[in-house]
Amino acid sequence: MKAVFFVEKEKYGSAKNRLYGDELVSRQSITIRDNSSVEKEKEGYYMLLDGEDEAIKKAREILKDSAKELKDKEAKDIIGIIEKQESSAADGFGAIFG
């Protein structure tokens, strides 16, 4: 299961620490990008969580006061951008170590 959250710049440090401080959530795949790297104007950070349903539910609870969960098209757009970036990075490493 995947979920995308937007965290305002001021709340980022606290939100990140709480996610990584939770034993269940921290074992999931957590990808964080700032707004400029995903070509968005609103200042803040996008957090993509990919993992077990229970961990995503826990992350929602942890972030309920500090982040907004993105839905539908907005979430799919961010997931697509991040996955494309990661794929490009993996291709680059393959070319180097090929």
C-alpha atoms as a PDB file:
ATOM      1  CA  MET A   1       0.000   0.000   0.000  1.00  0.00           C
ATOM      2  CA  LYS A   2       1.199   3.527  -0.759  1.00  0.00           C
ATOM      3  CA  ALA A   3       0.324   6.861   0.798  1.00  0.00           C
ATOM      4  CA  VAL A   4       1.605  10.374   0.094  1.00  0.00           C
ATOM      5  CA  PHE A   5       1.680  13.184   2.644  1.00  0.00           C
ATOM      6  CA  PHE A   6       2.509  16.868   2.304  1.00  0.00           C
ATOM      7  CA  VAL A   7       4.239  18.457   5.290  1.00  0.00           C
ATOM      8  CA  GLU A   8       4.784  22.180   5.596  1.00  0.00           C
ATOM      9  CA  LYS A   9       8.385  23.252   6.071  1.00  0.00           C
ATOM     10  CA  GLU A  10       7.842  24.318   9.692  1.00  0.00           C
ATOM     11  CA  LYS A  11       6.447  20.933  10.725  1.00  0.00           C
ATOM     12  CA  TYR A  12       8.838  18.763   8.730  1.00  0.00           C
ATOM     13  CA  GLY A  13      11.455  18.019  11.403  1.00  0.00           C
ATOM     14  CA  SER A  14       8.927  16.917  13.961  1.00  0.00           C
ATOM     15  CA  ALA A  15       6.925  14.840  11.459  1.00  0.00           C
ATOM     16  CA  LYS A  16      10.036  13.097  10.155  1.00  0.00           C
ATOM     17  CA  ASN A  17      11.312  12.328  13.657  1.00  0.00           C
ATOM     18  CA  ARG A  18       7.970  10.843  14.683  1.00  0.00           C
ATOM     19  CA  LEU A  19       7.803   8.631  11.566  1.00  0.00           C
ATOM     20  CA  TYR A  20      11.336   7.321  11.959  1.00  0.00           C
ATOM     21  CA  GLY A  21      10.846   6.998  15.710  1.00  0.00           C
ATOM     22  CA  ASP A  22       8.014   4.513  15.310  1.00  0.00           C
ATOM     23  CA  GLU A  23       9.240   0.916  15.115  1.00  0.00           C
ATOM     24  CA  LEU A  24       6.581  -0.284  12.654  1.00  0.00           C
ATOM     25  CA  VAL A  25       6.516   2.743  10.350  1.00  0.00           C
ATOM     26  CA  SER A  26      10.291   3.137  10.198  1.00  0.00           C
ATOM     27  CA  ARG A  27      10.641  -0.373   8.726  1.00  0.00           C
ATOM     28  CA  GLN A  28       8.626   0.646   5.655  1.00  0.00           C
ATOM     29  CA  SER A  29       9.923   2.405   2.572  1.00  0.00           C
ATOM     30  CA  ILE A  30       9.863   6.152   3.241  1.00  0.00           C
ATOM     31  CA  THR A  31      10.868   8.526   0.454  1.00  0.00           C
ATOM     32  CA  ILE A  32      11.013  12.251   1.091  1.00  0.00           C
ATOM     33  CA  ARG A  33      11.302  15.000  -1.507  1.00  0.00           C
ATOM     34  CA  ASP A  34      11.154  18.759  -1.146  1.00  0.00           C
ATOM     35  CA  ASN A  35       8.704  20.738  -3.230  1.00  0.00           C
ATOM     36  CA  SER A  36      11.272  21.884  -5.801  1.00  0.00           C
ATOM     37  CA  SER A  37      12.390  18.345  -6.629  1.00  0.00           C
ATOM     38  CA  VAL A  38       8.815  17.390  -7.552  1.00  0.00           C
ATOM     39  CA  GLU A  39       8.223  20.706  -9.325  1.00  0.00           C
ATOM     40  CA  LYS A  40       5.631  22.076  -6.901  1.00  0.00           C
ATOM     41  CA  GLU A  41       5.450  25.688  -5.736  1.00  0.00           C
ATOM     42  CA  LYS A  42       4.021  25.245  -2.241  1.00  0.00           C
ATOM     43  CA  GLU A  43       6.980  25.097   0.164  1.00  0.00           C
ATOM     44  CA  GLY A  44       7.261  21.888   2.082  1.00  0.00           C
ATOM     45  CA  TYR A  45       8.026  18.208   1.772  1.00  0.00           C
ATOM     46  CA  TYR A  46       6.313  15.230   0.178  1.00  0.00           C
ATOM     47  CA  MET A  47       6.567  11.916   1.991  1.00  0.00           C
ATOM     48  CA  LEU A  48       5.846   8.722   0.092  1.00  0.00           C
ATOM     49  CA  LEU A  49       5.282   5.712   2.309  1.00  0.00           C
ATOM     50  CA  ASP A  50       5.153   2.269   0.752  1.00  0.00           C
ATOM     51  CA  GLY A  51       4.486  -0.657   3.027  1.00  0.00           C
ATOM     52  CA  GLU A  52       2.091  -2.754   5.037  1.00  0.00           C
ATOM     53  CA  ASP A  53      -1.481  -1.529   5.505  1.00  0.00           C
ATOM     54  CA  GLU A  54      -1.074  -1.476   9.277  1.00  0.00           C
ATOM     55  CA  ALA A  55       2.038   0.704   9.027  1.00  0.00           C
ATOM     56  CA  ILE A  56       0.293   3.162   6.703  1.00  0.00           C
ATOM     57  CA  LYS A  57      -2.611   3.406   9.156  1.00  0.00           C
ATOM     58  CA  LYS A  58      -0.128   4.092  11.951  1.00  0.00           C
ATOM     59  CA  ALA A  59       1.628   6.759   9.841  1.00  0.00           C
ATOM     60  CA  ARG A  60      -1.726   8.451   9.235  1.00  0.00           C
ATOM     61  CA  GLU A  61      -2.267   8.592  12.980  1.00  0.00           C
ATOM     62  CA  ILE A  62       1.244   9.904  13.627  1.00  0.00           C
ATOM     63  CA  LEU A  63       0.945  12.612  10.966  1.00  0.00           C
ATOM     64  CA  LYS A  64      -2.686  13.627  11.502  1.00  0.00           C
ATOM     65  CA  ASP A  65      -1.773  16.973  13.120  1.00  0.00           C
ATOM     66  CA  SER A  66       1.264  17.827  11.014  1.00  0.00           C
ATOM     67  CA  ALA A  67       0.657  16.628   7.463  1.00  0.00           C
ATOM     68  CA  LYS A  68      -2.030  16.410   4.831  1.00  0.00           C
ATOM     69  CA  GLU A  69      -2.545  13.095   3.080  1.00  0.00           C
ATOM     70  CA  LEU A  70      -2.850  13.564  -0.660  1.00  0.00           C
ATOM     71  CA  LYS A  71      -5.543  11.684  -2.520  1.00  0.00           C
ATOM     72  CA  ASP A  72      -6.477  10.626  -6.046  1.00  0.00           C
ATOM     73  CA  LYS A  73      -4.776  12.484  -8.907  1.00  0.00           C
ATOM     74  CA  GLU A  74      -2.557  14.610  -6.689  1.00  0.00           C
ATOM     75  CA  ALA A  75      -1.161  11.525  -4.928  1.00  0.00           C
ATOM     76  CA  LYS A  76      -0.734   9.624  -8.203  1.00  0.00           C
ATOM     77  CA  ASP A  77       1.160  12.570  -9.713  1.00  0.00           C
ATOM     78  CA  ILE A  78       3.621  12.700  -6.809  1.00  0.00           C
ATOM     79  CA  ILE A  79       4.063   8.904  -6.789  1.00  0.00           C
ATOM     80  CA  GLY A  80       4.755   8.974 -10.532  1.00  0.00           C
ATOM     81  CA  ILE A  81       7.347  11.748 -10.222  1.00  0.00           C
ATOM     82  CA  ILE A  82       9.178  10.052  -7.337  1.00  0.00           C
ATOM     83  CA  GLU A  83       9.159   6.638  -9.018  1.00  0.00           C
ATOM     84  CA  LYS A  84      10.470   8.163 -12.247  1.00  0.00           C
ATOM     85  CA  GLN A  85      13.299   9.869 -10.324  1.00  0.00           C
ATOM     86  CA  GLU A  86      14.210   6.626  -8.576  1.00  0.00           C
ATOM     87  CA  SER A  87      14.133   4.696 -11.839  1.00  0.00           C
ATOM     88  CA  SER A  88      16.430   7.245 -13.478  1.00  0.00           C
ATOM     89  CA  ALA A  89      18.827   7.018 -10.540  1.00  0.00           C
ATOM     90  CA  ALA A  90      18.843   3.214 -10.740  1.00  0.00           C
ATOM     91  CA  ASP A  91      19.498   3.363 -14.492  1.00  0.00           C
ATOM     92  CA  GLY A  92      22.412   5.712 -13.837  1.00  0.00           C
ATOM     93  CA  PHE A  93      23.957   3.360 -11.299  1.00  0.00           C
ATOM     94  CA  GLY A  94      23.493   0.482 -13.729  1.00  0.00           C
ATOM     95  CA  ALA A  95      25.393   2.380 -16.399  1.00  0.00           C
ATOM     96  CA  ILE A  96      28.216   3.129 -13.970  1.00  0.00           C
ATOM     97  CA  PHE A  97      28.528  -0.382 -12.520  1.00  0.00           C
ATOM     98  CA  GLY A  98      26.983  -2.236 -15.522  1.00  0.00           C
END
